[in-house]
Amino acid sequence: MMNVSDTAATRINELLAEENETGRGLRVYVQGGGCSGFQYGLMIEERAGDADQVFESNGVTLFVDPISISYLKEAEVDFIDHGFGGGFVITNPNAVSTSCGCGSSFSV
């Protein structure tokens, strides 16, 4: 299962409303890349794929493909506001290392 923090849920729903995308969900995925081996991806998605696992958390629908879910169990999508901007982050208890030169990859 994956979770969405209250802060991230608010921001996701604001973005969906701004883009007239209400009723859609958030695809969360893992792909190869970055200096640690894997990186996260997020994108707005209309519906789940045939093999996707679908989660509902704080009013946000999450779509996760079968390969990515093995890396994302118990992970949480959060939104951090730094004053000069912000962004979505994924807190992942499965990641062995999250510090790297590029700042956006992890290893397991």
PDB file of N, CA and C in Angstrom:
ATOM      1  N   MET A   1       0.836  -1.191   0.000  1.00  0.00           N
ATOM      2  CA  MET A   1       0.000   0.000   0.000  1.00  0.00           C
ATOM      3  C   MET A   1       0.872   1.241   0.000  1.00  0.00           C
ATOM      4  N   MET A   2       0.399   2.273  -0.647  1.00  0.00           N
ATOM      5  CA  MET A   2       1.065   3.576  -0.657  1.00  0.00           C
ATOM      6  C   MET A   2       0.146   4.611  -0.033  1.00  0.00           C
ATOM      7  N   ASN A   3       0.743   5.675   0.461  1.00  0.00           N
ATOM      8  CA  ASN A   3      -0.019   6.744   1.096  1.00  0.00           C
ATOM      9  C   ASN A   3       0.313   8.088   0.465  1.00  0.00           C
ATOM     10  N   VAL A   4      -0.599   9.028   0.653  1.00  0.00           N
ATOM     11  CA  VAL A   4      -0.405  10.411   0.246  1.00  0.00           C
ATOM     12  C   VAL A   4      -0.601  11.258   1.494  1.00  0.00           C
ATOM     13  N   SER A   5       0.352  12.131   1.801  1.00  0.00           N
ATOM     14  CA  SER A   5       0.220  12.991   2.977  1.00  0.00           C
ATOM     15  C   SER A   5      -0.908  13.993   2.761  1.00  0.00           C
ATOM     16  N   ASP A   6      -1.387  14.574   3.840  1.00  0.00           N
ATOM     17  CA  ASP A   6      -2.432  15.597   3.747  1.00  0.00           C
ATOM     18  C   ASP A   6      -1.974  16.754   2.860  1.00  0.00           C
ATOM     19  N   THR A   7      -0.738  17.192   3.055  1.00  0.00           N
ATOM     20  CA  THR A   7      -0.195  18.312   2.287  1.00  0.00           C
ATOM     21  C   THR A   7      -0.133  17.985   0.806  1.00  0.00           C
ATOM     22  N   ALA A   8       0.345  16.791   0.474  1.00  0.00           N
ATOM     23  CA  ALA A   8       0.431  16.383  -0.933  1.00  0.00           C
ATOM     24  C   ALA A   8      -0.958  16.234  -1.536  1.00  0.00           C
ATOM     25  N   ALA A   9      -1.910  15.676  -0.780  1.00  0.00           N
ATOM     26  CA  ALA A   9      -3.264  15.507  -1.293  1.00  0.00           C
ATOM     27  C   ALA A   9      -3.886  16.855  -1.637  1.00  0.00           C
ATOM     28  N   THR A  10      -3.703  17.823  -0.766  1.00  0.00           N
ATOM     29  CA  THR A  10      -4.217  19.169  -1.035  1.00  0.00           C
ATOM     30  C   THR A  10      -3.617  19.728  -2.310  1.00  0.00           C
ATOM     31  N   ARG A  11      -2.306  19.617  -2.455  1.00  0.00           N
ATOM     32  CA  ARG A  11      -1.626  20.165  -3.636  1.00  0.00           C
ATOM     33  C   ARG A  11      -2.021  19.411  -4.908  1.00  0.00           C
ATOM     34  N   ILE A  12      -2.120  18.093  -4.844  1.00  0.00           N
ATOM     35  CA  ILE A  12      -2.526  17.297  -6.014  1.00  0.00           C
ATOM     36  C   ILE A  12      -3.922  17.701  -6.458  1.00  0.00           C
ATOM     37  N   ASN A  13      -4.846  17.824  -5.509  1.00  0.00           N
ATOM     38  CA  ASN A  13      -6.215  18.204  -5.859  1.00  0.00           C
ATOM     39  C   ASN A  13      -6.288  19.620  -6.416  1.00  0.00           C
ATOM     40  N   GLU A  14      -5.447  20.533  -5.916  1.00  0.00           N
ATOM     41  CA  GLU A  14      -5.381  21.887  -6.478  1.00  0.00           C
ATOM     42  C   GLU A  14      -4.889  21.843  -7.929  1.00  0.00           C
ATOM     43  N   LEU A  15      -3.851  21.051  -8.182  1.00  0.00           N
ATOM     44  CA  LEU A  15      -3.319  20.933  -9.538  1.00  0.00           C
ATOM     45  C   LEU A  15      -4.340  20.318 -10.489  1.00  0.00           C
ATOM     46  N   LEU A  16      -5.026  19.284 -10.045  1.00  0.00           N
ATOM     47  CA  LEU A  16      -6.047  18.650 -10.877  1.00  0.00           C
ATOM     48  C   LEU A  16      -7.164  19.640 -11.211  1.00  0.00           C
ATOM     49  N   ALA A  17      -7.579  20.437 -10.240  1.00  0.00           N
ATOM     50  CA  ALA A  17      -8.634  21.428 -10.469  1.00  0.00           C
ATOM     51  C   ALA A  17      -8.158  22.518 -11.436  1.00  0.00           C
ATOM     52  N   GLU A  18      -6.922  22.999 -11.260  1.00  0.00           N
ATOM     53  CA  GLU A  18      -6.363  24.027 -12.147  1.00  0.00           C
ATOM     54  C   GLU A  18      -6.312  23.571 -13.595  1.00  0.00           C
ATOM     55  N   GLU A  19      -6.028  22.305 -13.801  1.00  0.00           N
ATOM     56  CA  GLU A  19      -5.879  21.752 -15.152  1.00  0.00           C
ATOM     57  C   GLU A  19      -7.163  21.099 -15.666  1.00  0.00           C
ATOM     58  N   ASN A  20      -8.275  21.299 -14.943  1.00  0.00           N
ATOM     59  CA  ASN A  20      -9.551  20.659 -15.305  1.00  0.00           C
ATOM     60  C   ASN A  20      -9.394  19.150 -15.474  1.00  0.00           C
ATOM     61  N   GLU A  21      -8.656  18.551 -14.571  1.00  0.00           N
ATOM     62  CA  GLU A  21      -8.374  17.112 -14.616  1.00  0.00           C
ATOM     63  C   GLU A  21      -9.026  16.385 -13.443  1.00  0.00           C
ATOM     64  N   THR A  22     -10.042  16.987 -12.818  1.00  0.00           N
ATOM     65  CA  THR A  22     -10.671  16.343 -11.672  1.00  0.00           C
ATOM     66  C   THR A  22     -11.194  14.969 -12.083  1.00  0.00           C
ATOM     67  N   GLY A  23     -11.147  14.047 -11.165  1.00  0.00           N
ATOM     68  CA  GLY A  23     -11.567  12.685 -11.444  1.00  0.00           C
ATOM     69  C   GLY A  23     -10.429  11.791 -11.919  1.00  0.00           C
ATOM     70  N   ARG A  24      -9.271  12.354 -12.122  1.00  0.00           N
ATOM     71  CA  ARG A  24      -8.114  11.566 -12.548  1.00  0.00           C
ATOM     72  C   ARG A  24      -7.263  11.230 -11.335  1.00  0.00           C
ATOM     73  N   GLY A  25      -6.233  10.432 -11.558  1.00  0.00           N
ATOM     74  CA  GLY A  25      -5.374  10.023 -10.464  1.00  0.00           C
ATOM     75  C   GLY A  25      -3.916  10.335 -10.740  1.00  0.00           C
ATOM     76  N   LEU A  26      -3.080   9.873  -9.848  1.00  0.00           N
ATOM     77  CA  LEU A  26      -1.647  10.103  -9.934  1.00  0.00           C
ATOM     78  C   LEU A  26      -0.937   8.776 -10.143  1.00  0.00           C
ATOM     79  N   ARG A  27      -0.211   8.663 -11.242  1.00  0.00           N
ATOM     80  CA  ARG A  27       0.627   7.484 -11.476  1.00  0.00           C
ATOM     81  C   ARG A  27       1.952   7.721 -10.762  1.00  0.00           C
ATOM     82  N   VAL A  28       2.345   6.746  -9.944  1.00  0.00           N
ATOM     83  CA  VAL A  28       3.628   6.782  -9.247  1.00  0.00           C
ATOM     84  C   VAL A  28       4.426   5.599  -9.767  1.00  0.00           C
ATOM     85  N   TYR A  29       5.659   5.850 -10.214  1.00  0.00           N
ATOM     86  CA  TYR A  29       6.442   4.765 -10.791  1.00  0.00           C
ATOM     87  C   TYR A  29       7.922   4.912 -10.473  1.00  0.00           C
ATOM     88  N   VAL A  30       8.629   3.827 -10.668  1.00  0.00           N
ATOM     89  CA  VAL A  30      10.073   3.778 -10.499  1.00  0.00           C
ATOM     90  C   VAL A  30      10.661   3.418 -11.850  1.00  0.00           C
ATOM     91  N   GLN A  31      11.747   4.107 -12.194  1.00  0.00           N
ATOM     92  CA  GLN A  31      12.450   3.784 -13.433  1.00  0.00           C
ATOM     93  C   GLN A  31      13.944   3.814 -13.169  1.00  0.00           C
ATOM     94  N   GLY A  32      14.681   3.143 -14.020  1.00  0.00           N
ATOM     95  CA  GLY A  32      16.130   3.161 -13.893  1.00  0.00           C
ATOM     96  C   GLY A  32      16.662   4.542 -14.225  1.00  0.00           C
ATOM     97  N   GLY A  33      17.699   4.948 -13.512  1.00  0.00           N
ATOM     98  CA  GLY A  33      18.313   6.241 -13.793  1.00  0.00           C
ATOM     99  C   GLY A  33      18.872   6.878 -12.546  1.00  0.00           C
ATOM    100  N   GLY A  34      19.440   8.024 -12.719  1.00  0.00           N
ATOM    101  CA  GLY A  34      20.064   8.726 -11.605  1.00  0.00           C
ATOM    102  C   GLY A  34      21.361   8.039 -11.214  1.00  0.00           C
ATOM    103  N   CYS A  35      22.109   8.660 -10.348  1.00  0.00           N
ATOM    104  CA  CYS A  35      23.416   8.110  -9.990  1.00  0.00           C
ATOM    105  C   CYS A  35      23.327   6.959  -8.990  1.00  0.00           C
ATOM    106  N   SER A  36      22.166   6.760  -8.352  1.00  0.00           N
ATOM    107  CA  SER A  36      22.013   5.650  -7.408  1.00  0.00           C
ATOM    108  C   SER A  36      21.313   4.444  -8.017  1.00  0.00           C
ATOM    109  N   GLY A  37      20.831   4.559  -9.239  1.00  0.00           N
ATOM    110  CA  GLY A  37      20.254   3.406  -9.912  1.00  0.00           C
ATOM    111  C   GLY A  37      18.785   3.499 -10.247  1.00  0.00           C
ATOM    112  N   PHE A  38      17.979   4.144  -9.387  1.00  0.00           N
ATOM    113  CA  PHE A  38      16.543   4.263  -9.614  1.00  0.00           C
ATOM    114  C   PHE A  38      16.099   5.695  -9.347  1.00  0.00           C
ATOM    115  N   GLN A  39      15.029   6.090 -10.023  1.00  0.00           N
ATOM    116  CA  GLN A  39      14.423   7.380  -9.713  1.00  0.00           C
ATOM    117  C   GLN A  39      12.908   7.260  -9.788  1.00  0.00           C
ATOM    118  N   TYR A  40      12.222   8.180  -9.110  1.00  0.00           N
ATOM    119  CA  TYR A  40      10.775   8.176  -9.054  1.00  0.00           C
ATOM    120  C   TYR A  40      10.200   9.016 -10.180  1.00  0.00           C
ATOM    121  N   GLY A  41       8.973   8.682 -10.554  1.00  0.00           N
ATOM    122  CA  GLY A  41       8.236   9.483 -11.508  1.00  0.00           C
ATOM    123  C   GLY A  41       6.800   9.636 -11.057  1.00  0.00           C
ATOM    124  N   LEU A  42       6.223  10.777 -11.370  1.00  0.00           N
ATOM    125  CA  LEU A  42       4.830  11.070 -11.053  1.00  0.00           C
ATOM    126  C   LEU A  42       4.194  11.691 -12.286  1.00  0.00           C
ATOM    127  N   MET A  43       2.965  11.292 -12.591  1.00  0.00           N
ATOM    128  CA  MET A  43       2.246  11.926 -13.686  1.00  0.00           C
ATOM    129  C   MET A  43       0.748  11.742 -13.493  1.00  0.00           C
ATOM    130  N   ILE A  44      -0.022  12.673 -14.029  1.00  0.00           N
ATOM    131  CA  ILE A  44      -1.475  12.583 -13.973  1.00  0.00           C
ATOM    132  C   ILE A  44      -1.915  11.500 -14.957  1.00  0.00           C
ATOM    133  N   GLU A  45      -2.843  10.680 -14.515  1.00  0.00           N
ATOM    134  CA  GLU A  45      -3.306   9.559 -15.339  1.00  0.00           C
ATOM    135  C   GLU A  45      -4.828   9.515 -15.296  1.00  0.00           C
ATOM    136  N   GLU A  46      -5.422   9.214 -16.438  1.00  0.00           N
ATOM    137  CA  GLU A  46      -6.882   9.161 -16.528  1.00  0.00           C
ATOM    138  C   GLU A  46      -7.456   7.914 -15.870  1.00  0.00           C
ATOM    139  N   ARG A  47      -6.796   6.778 -16.109  1.00  0.00           N
ATOM    140  CA  ARG A  47      -7.318   5.521 -15.552  1.00  0.00           C
ATOM    141  C   ARG A  47      -6.173   4.530 -15.365  1.00  0.00           C
ATOM    142  N   ALA A  48      -6.471   3.497 -14.609  1.00  0.00           N
ATOM    143  CA  ALA A  48      -5.480   2.452 -14.336  1.00  0.00           C
ATOM    144  C   ALA A  48      -5.262   1.586 -15.565  1.00  0.00           C
ATOM    145  N   GLY A  49      -4.048   1.064 -15.684  1.00  0.00           N
ATOM    146  CA  GLY A  49      -3.749   0.056 -16.691  1.00  0.00           C
ATOM    147  C   GLY A  49      -4.252  -1.295 -16.210  1.00  0.00           C
ATOM    148  N   ASP A  50      -4.271  -2.260 -17.097  1.00  0.00           N
ATOM    149  CA  ASP A  50      -4.811  -3.581 -16.766  1.00  0.00           C
ATOM    150  C   ASP A  50      -4.141  -4.237 -15.564  1.00  0.00           C
ATOM    151  N   ALA A  51      -2.834  -4.081 -15.420  1.00  0.00           N
ATOM    152  CA  ALA A  51      -2.107  -4.763 -14.352  1.00  0.00           C
ATOM    153  C   ALA A  51      -1.821  -3.870 -13.142  1.00  0.00           C
ATOM    154  N   ASP A  52      -2.257  -2.603 -13.180  1.00  0.00           N
ATOM    155  CA  ASP A  52      -1.967  -1.662 -12.103  1.00  0.00           C
ATOM    156  C   ASP A  52      -2.640  -2.045 -10.795  1.00  0.00           C
ATOM    157  N   GLN A  53      -1.984  -1.688  -9.710  1.00  0.00           N
ATOM    158  CA  GLN A  53      -2.623  -1.699  -8.405  1.00  0.00           C
ATOM    159  C   GLN A  53      -3.129  -0.280  -8.178  1.00  0.00           C
ATOM    160  N   VAL A  54      -4.308  -0.165  -7.631  1.00  0.00           N
ATOM    161  CA  VAL A  54      -4.930   1.138  -7.418  1.00  0.00           C
ATOM    162  C   VAL A  54      -5.126   1.334  -5.915  1.00  0.00           C
ATOM    163  N   PHE A  55      -4.678   2.487  -5.427  1.00  0.00           N
ATOM    164  CA  PHE A  55      -4.803   2.827  -4.019  1.00  0.00           C
ATOM    165  C   PHE A  55      -5.542   4.148  -3.903  1.00  0.00           C
ATOM    166  N   GLU A  56      -6.262   4.309  -2.816  1.00  0.00           N
ATOM    167  CA  GLU A  56      -6.931   5.567  -2.499  1.00  0.00           C
ATOM    168  C   GLU A  56      -6.363   6.043  -1.172  1.00  0.00           C
ATOM    169  N   SER A  57      -5.852   7.271  -1.148  1.00  0.00           N
ATOM    170  CA  SER A  57      -5.270   7.804   0.077  1.00  0.00           C
ATOM    171  C   SER A  57      -5.560   9.296   0.157  1.00  0.00           C
ATOM    172  N   ASN A  58      -6.202   9.719   1.222  1.00  0.00           N
ATOM    173  CA  ASN A  58      -6.545  11.127   1.427  1.00  0.00           C
ATOM    174  C   ASN A  58      -7.249  11.739   0.228  1.00  0.00           C
ATOM    175  N   GLY A  59      -8.130  10.967  -0.398  1.00  0.00           N
ATOM    176  CA  GLY A  59      -8.905  11.474  -1.514  1.00  0.00           C
ATOM    177  C   GLY A  59      -8.189  11.489  -2.848  1.00  0.00           C
ATOM    178  N   VAL A  60      -6.994  10.911  -2.911  1.00  0.00           N
ATOM    179  CA  VAL A  60      -6.221  10.856  -4.154  1.00  0.00           C
ATOM    180  C   VAL A  60      -6.124   9.397  -4.593  1.00  0.00           C
ATOM    181  N   THR A  61      -6.391   9.160  -5.870  1.00  0.00           N
ATOM    182  CA  THR A  61      -6.251   7.827  -6.435  1.00  0.00           C
ATOM    183  C   THR A  61      -4.844   7.673  -6.977  1.00  0.00           C
ATOM    184  N   LEU A  62      -4.168   6.601  -6.577  1.00  0.00           N
ATOM    185  CA  LEU A  62      -2.812   6.308  -7.037  1.00  0.00           C
ATOM    186  C   LEU A  62      -2.830   5.072  -7.918  1.00  0.00           C
ATOM    187  N   PHE A  63      -2.118   5.129  -9.036  1.00  0.00           N
ATOM    188  CA  PHE A  63      -1.952   3.993  -9.932  1.00  0.00           C
ATOM    189  C   PHE A  63      -0.486   3.584  -9.903  1.00  0.00           C
ATOM    190  N   VAL A  64      -0.228   2.302  -9.639  1.00  0.00           N
ATOM    191  CA  VAL A  64       1.150   1.813  -9.559  1.00  0.00           C
ATOM    192  C   VAL A  64       1.259   0.511 -10.347  1.00  0.00           C
ATOM    193  N   ASP A  65       2.221   0.469 -11.257  1.00  0.00           N
ATOM    194  CA  ASP A  65       2.416  -0.737 -12.066  1.00  0.00           C
ATOM    195  C   ASP A  65       3.042  -1.845 -11.220  1.00  0.00           C
ATOM    196  N   PRO A  66       2.945  -3.104 -11.663  1.00  0.00           N
ATOM    197  CA  PRO A  66       3.404  -4.243 -10.860  1.00  0.00           C
ATOM    198  C   PRO A  66       4.902  -4.239 -10.547  1.00  0.00           C
ATOM    199  N   ILE A  67       5.718  -3.718 -11.423  1.00  0.00           N
ATOM    200  CA  ILE A  67       7.158  -3.672 -11.146  1.00  0.00           C
ATOM    201  C   ILE A  67       7.465  -2.597 -10.108  1.00  0.00           C
ATOM    202  N   SER A  68       6.875  -1.424 -10.279  1.00  0.00           N
ATOM    203  CA  SER A  68       7.139  -0.317  -9.349  1.00  0.00           C
ATOM    204  C   SER A  68       6.660  -0.607  -7.943  1.00  0.00           C
ATOM    205  N   ILE A  69       5.545  -1.327  -7.801  1.00  0.00           N
ATOM    206  CA  ILE A  69       4.999  -1.551  -6.466  1.00  0.00           C
ATOM    207  C   ILE A  69       5.977  -2.314  -5.578  1.00  0.00           C
ATOM    208  N   SER A  70       6.800  -3.155  -6.169  1.00  0.00           N
ATOM    209  CA  SER A  70       7.767  -3.896  -5.350  1.00  0.00           C
ATOM    210  C   SER A  70       8.793  -2.959  -4.700  1.00  0.00           C
ATOM    211  N   TYR A  71       9.017  -1.791  -5.289  1.00  0.00           N
ATOM    212  CA  TYR A  71       9.937  -0.805  -4.719  1.00  0.00           C
ATOM    213  C   TYR A  71       9.226   0.233  -3.854  1.00  0.00           C
ATOM    214  N   LEU A  72       7.914   0.306  -3.956  1.00  0.00           N
ATOM    215  CA  LEU A  72       7.171   1.401  -3.329  1.00  0.00           C
ATOM    216  C   LEU A  72       6.248   0.985  -2.186  1.00  0.00           C
ATOM    217  N   LYS A  73       6.326  -0.259  -1.726  1.00  0.00           N
ATOM    218  CA  LYS A  73       5.463  -0.685  -0.627  1.00  0.00           C
ATOM    219  C   LYS A  73       5.699   0.192   0.598  1.00  0.00           C
ATOM    220  N   GLU A  74       4.604   0.694   1.146  1.00  0.00           N
ATOM    221  CA  GLU A  74       4.603   1.553   2.341  1.00  0.00           C
ATOM    222  C   GLU A  74       5.239   2.922   2.112  1.00  0.00           C
ATOM    223  N   ALA A  75       5.495   3.306   0.870  1.00  0.00           N
ATOM    224  CA  ALA A  75       6.047   4.632   0.567  1.00  0.00           C
ATOM    225  C   ALA A  75       4.948   5.686   0.694  1.00  0.00           C
ATOM    226  N   GLU A  76       5.361   6.939   0.838  1.00  0.00           N
ATOM    227  CA  GLU A  76       4.414   8.040   0.966  1.00  0.00           C
ATOM    228  C   GLU A  76       4.806   9.166   0.024  1.00  0.00           C
ATOM    229  N   VAL A  77       3.808   9.686  -0.687  1.00  0.00           N
ATOM    230  CA  VAL A  77       3.989  10.870  -1.513  1.00  0.00           C
ATOM    231  C   VAL A  77       3.717  12.069  -0.622  1.00  0.00           C
ATOM    232  N   ASP A  78       4.652  13.010  -0.588  1.00  0.00           N
ATOM    233  CA  ASP A  78       4.510  14.207   0.239  1.00  0.00           C
ATOM    234  C   ASP A  78       4.798  15.426  -0.627  1.00  0.00           C
ATOM    235  N   PHE A  79       4.456  16.592  -0.129  1.00  0.00           N
ATOM    236  CA  PHE A  79       4.778  17.840  -0.811  1.00  0.00           C
ATOM    237  C   PHE A  79       5.507  18.721   0.180  1.00  0.00           C
ATOM    238  N   ILE A  80       6.678  19.182  -0.221  1.00  0.00           N
ATOM    239  CA  ILE A  80       7.503  20.042   0.629  1.00  0.00           C
ATOM    240  C   ILE A  80       7.546  21.424   0.007  1.00  0.00           C
ATOM    241  N   ASP A  81       7.223  22.460   0.801  1.00  0.00           N
ATOM    242  CA  ASP A  81       7.299  23.834   0.331  1.00  0.00           C
ATOM    243  C   ASP A  81       8.494  24.489   1.002  1.00  0.00           C
ATOM    244  N   HIS A  82       9.433  24.953   0.183  1.00  0.00           N
ATOM    245  CA  HIS A  82      10.666  25.538   0.704  1.00  0.00           C
ATOM    246  C   HIS A  82      10.646  27.054   0.754  1.00  0.00           C
ATOM    247  N   GLY A  83       9.509  27.675   0.500  1.00  0.00           N
ATOM    248  CA  GLY A  83       9.447  29.127   0.483  1.00  0.00           C
ATOM    249  C   GLY A  83       9.805  29.701  -0.878  1.00  0.00           C
ATOM    250  N   PHE A  84      10.832  29.171  -1.510  1.00  0.00           N
ATOM    251  CA  PHE A  84      11.230  29.604  -2.854  1.00  0.00           C
ATOM    252  C   PHE A  84      10.661  28.673  -3.914  1.00  0.00           C
ATOM    253  N   GLY A  85       9.787  27.818  -3.516  1.00  0.00           N
ATOM    254  CA  GLY A  85       9.215  26.811  -4.397  1.00  0.00           C
ATOM    255  C   GLY A  85       9.069  25.530  -3.623  1.00  0.00           C
ATOM    256  N   GLY A  86       8.542  24.556  -4.248  1.00  0.00           N
ATOM    257  CA  GLY A  86       8.348  23.293  -3.562  1.00  0.00           C
ATOM    258  C   GLY A  86       8.281  22.172  -4.555  1.00  0.00           C
ATOM    259  N   GLY A  87       8.040  21.020  -4.034  1.00  0.00           N
ATOM    260  CA  GLY A  87       7.939  19.881  -4.920  1.00  0.00           C
ATOM    261  C   GLY A  87       7.484  18.645  -4.182  1.00  0.00           C
ATOM    262  N   PHE A  88       7.101  17.667  -4.984  1.00  0.00           N
ATOM    263  CA  PHE A  88       6.690  16.387  -4.434  1.00  0.00           C
ATOM    264  C   PHE A  88       7.919  15.552  -4.126  1.00  0.00           C
ATOM    265  N   VAL A  89       7.862  14.849  -3.024  1.00  0.00           N
ATOM    266  CA  VAL A  89       8.924  13.927  -2.627  1.00  0.00           C
ATOM    267  C   VAL A  89       8.278  12.604  -2.243  1.00  0.00           C
ATOM    268  N   ILE A  90       9.048  11.553  -2.356  1.00  0.00           N
ATOM    269  CA  ILE A  90       8.567  10.240  -1.944  1.00  0.00           C
ATOM    270  C   ILE A  90       9.448   9.758  -0.806  1.00  0.00           C
ATOM    271  N   THR A  91       8.803   9.473   0.313  1.00  0.00           N
ATOM    272  CA  THR A  91       9.485   8.892   1.454  1.00  0.00           C
ATOM    273  C   THR A  91       9.315   7.390   1.325  1.00  0.00           C
ATOM    274  N   ASN A  92      10.431   6.703   1.154  1.00  0.00           N
ATOM    275  CA  ASN A  92      10.387   5.282   0.835  1.00  0.00           C
ATOM    276  C   ASN A  92      11.195   4.480   1.853  1.00  0.00           C
ATOM    277  N   PRO A  93      10.523   3.698   2.710  1.00  0.00           N
ATOM    278  CA  PRO A  93      11.240   2.900   3.698  1.00  0.00           C
ATOM    279  C   PRO A  93      12.064   1.764   3.075  1.00  0.00           C
ATOM    280  N   ASN A  94      11.841   1.466   1.795  1.00  0.00           N
ATOM    281  CA  ASN A  94      12.576   0.398   1.113  1.00  0.00           C
ATOM    282  C   ASN A  94      13.905   0.869   0.536  1.00  0.00           C
ATOM    283  N   ALA A  95      14.102   2.165   0.448  1.00  0.00           N
ATOM    284  CA  ALA A  95      15.331   2.705  -0.138  1.00  0.00           C
ATOM    285  C   ALA A  95      16.480   2.550   0.851  1.00  0.00           C
ATOM    286  N   VAL A  96      17.559   1.943   0.386  1.00  0.00           N
ATOM    287  CA  VAL A  96      18.741   1.763   1.218  1.00  0.00           C
ATOM    288  C   VAL A  96      19.539   3.052   1.271  1.00  0.00           C
ATOM    289  N   SER A  97      19.615   3.734   0.146  1.00  0.00           N
ATOM    290  CA  SER A  97      20.365   4.970   0.051  1.00  0.00           C
ATOM    291  C   SER A  97      19.545   5.999  -0.705  1.00  0.00           C
ATOM    292  N   THR A  98      19.447   7.200  -0.141  1.00  0.00           N
ATOM    293  CA  THR A  98      18.728   8.277  -0.813  1.00  0.00           C
ATOM    294  C   THR A  98      19.614   9.493  -1.025  1.00  0.00           C
ATOM    295  N   SER A  99      20.870   9.396  -0.671  1.00  0.00           N
ATOM    296  CA  SER A  99      21.764  10.526  -0.888  1.00  0.00           C
ATOM    297  C   SER A  99      22.643  10.251  -2.087  1.00  0.00           C
ATOM    298  N   CYS A 100      22.687  11.213  -2.973  1.00  0.00           N
ATOM    299  CA  CYS A 100      23.454  11.038  -4.194  1.00  0.00           C
ATOM    300  C   CYS A 100      23.799  12.405  -4.749  1.00  0.00           C
ATOM    301  N   GLY A 101      24.611  12.429  -5.776  1.00  0.00           N
ATOM    302  CA  GLY A 101      25.019  13.673  -6.391  1.00  0.00           C
ATOM    303  C   GLY A 101      23.894  14.399  -7.094  1.00  0.00           C
ATOM    304  N   CYS A 102      22.964  13.652  -7.700  1.00  0.00           N
ATOM    305  CA  CYS A 102      21.888  14.307  -8.458  1.00  0.00           C
ATOM    306  C   CYS A 102      20.737  14.723  -7.555  1.00  0.00           C
ATOM    307  N   GLY A 103      20.616  14.134  -6.376  1.00  0.00           N
ATOM    308  CA  GLY A 103      19.572  14.511  -5.427  1.00  0.00           C
ATOM    309  C   GLY A 103      18.193  13.980  -5.740  1.00  0.00           C
ATOM    310  N   SER A 104      18.064  13.116  -6.748  1.00  0.00           N
ATOM    311  CA  SER A 104      16.723  12.636  -7.089  1.00  0.00           C
ATOM    312  C   SER A 104      16.661  11.143  -7.375  1.00  0.00           C
ATOM    313  N   SER A 105      17.652  10.391  -6.895  1.00  0.00           N
ATOM    314  CA  SER A 105      17.618   8.958  -7.139  1.00  0.00           C
ATOM    315  C   SER A 105      17.818   8.198  -5.828  1.00  0.00           C
ATOM    316  N   PHE A 106      17.636   6.877  -5.910  1.00  0.00           N
ATOM    317  CA  PHE A 106      17.771   6.043  -4.710  1.00  0.00           C
ATOM    318  C   PHE A 106      18.258   4.666  -5.128  1.00  0.00           C
ATOM    319  N   SER A 107      18.661   3.870  -4.144  1.00  0.00           N
ATOM    320  CA  SER A 107      19.039   2.487  -4.396  1.00  0.00           C
ATOM    321  C   SER A 107      18.337   1.596  -3.389  1.00  0.00           C
ATOM    322  N   VAL A 108      18.216   0.320  -3.757  1.00  0.00           N
ATOM    323  CA  VAL A 108      17.571  -0.657  -2.861  1.00  0.00           C
ATOM    324  C   VAL A 108      18.523  -1.789  -2.578  1.00  0.00           C
TER     325      VAL A 108
END
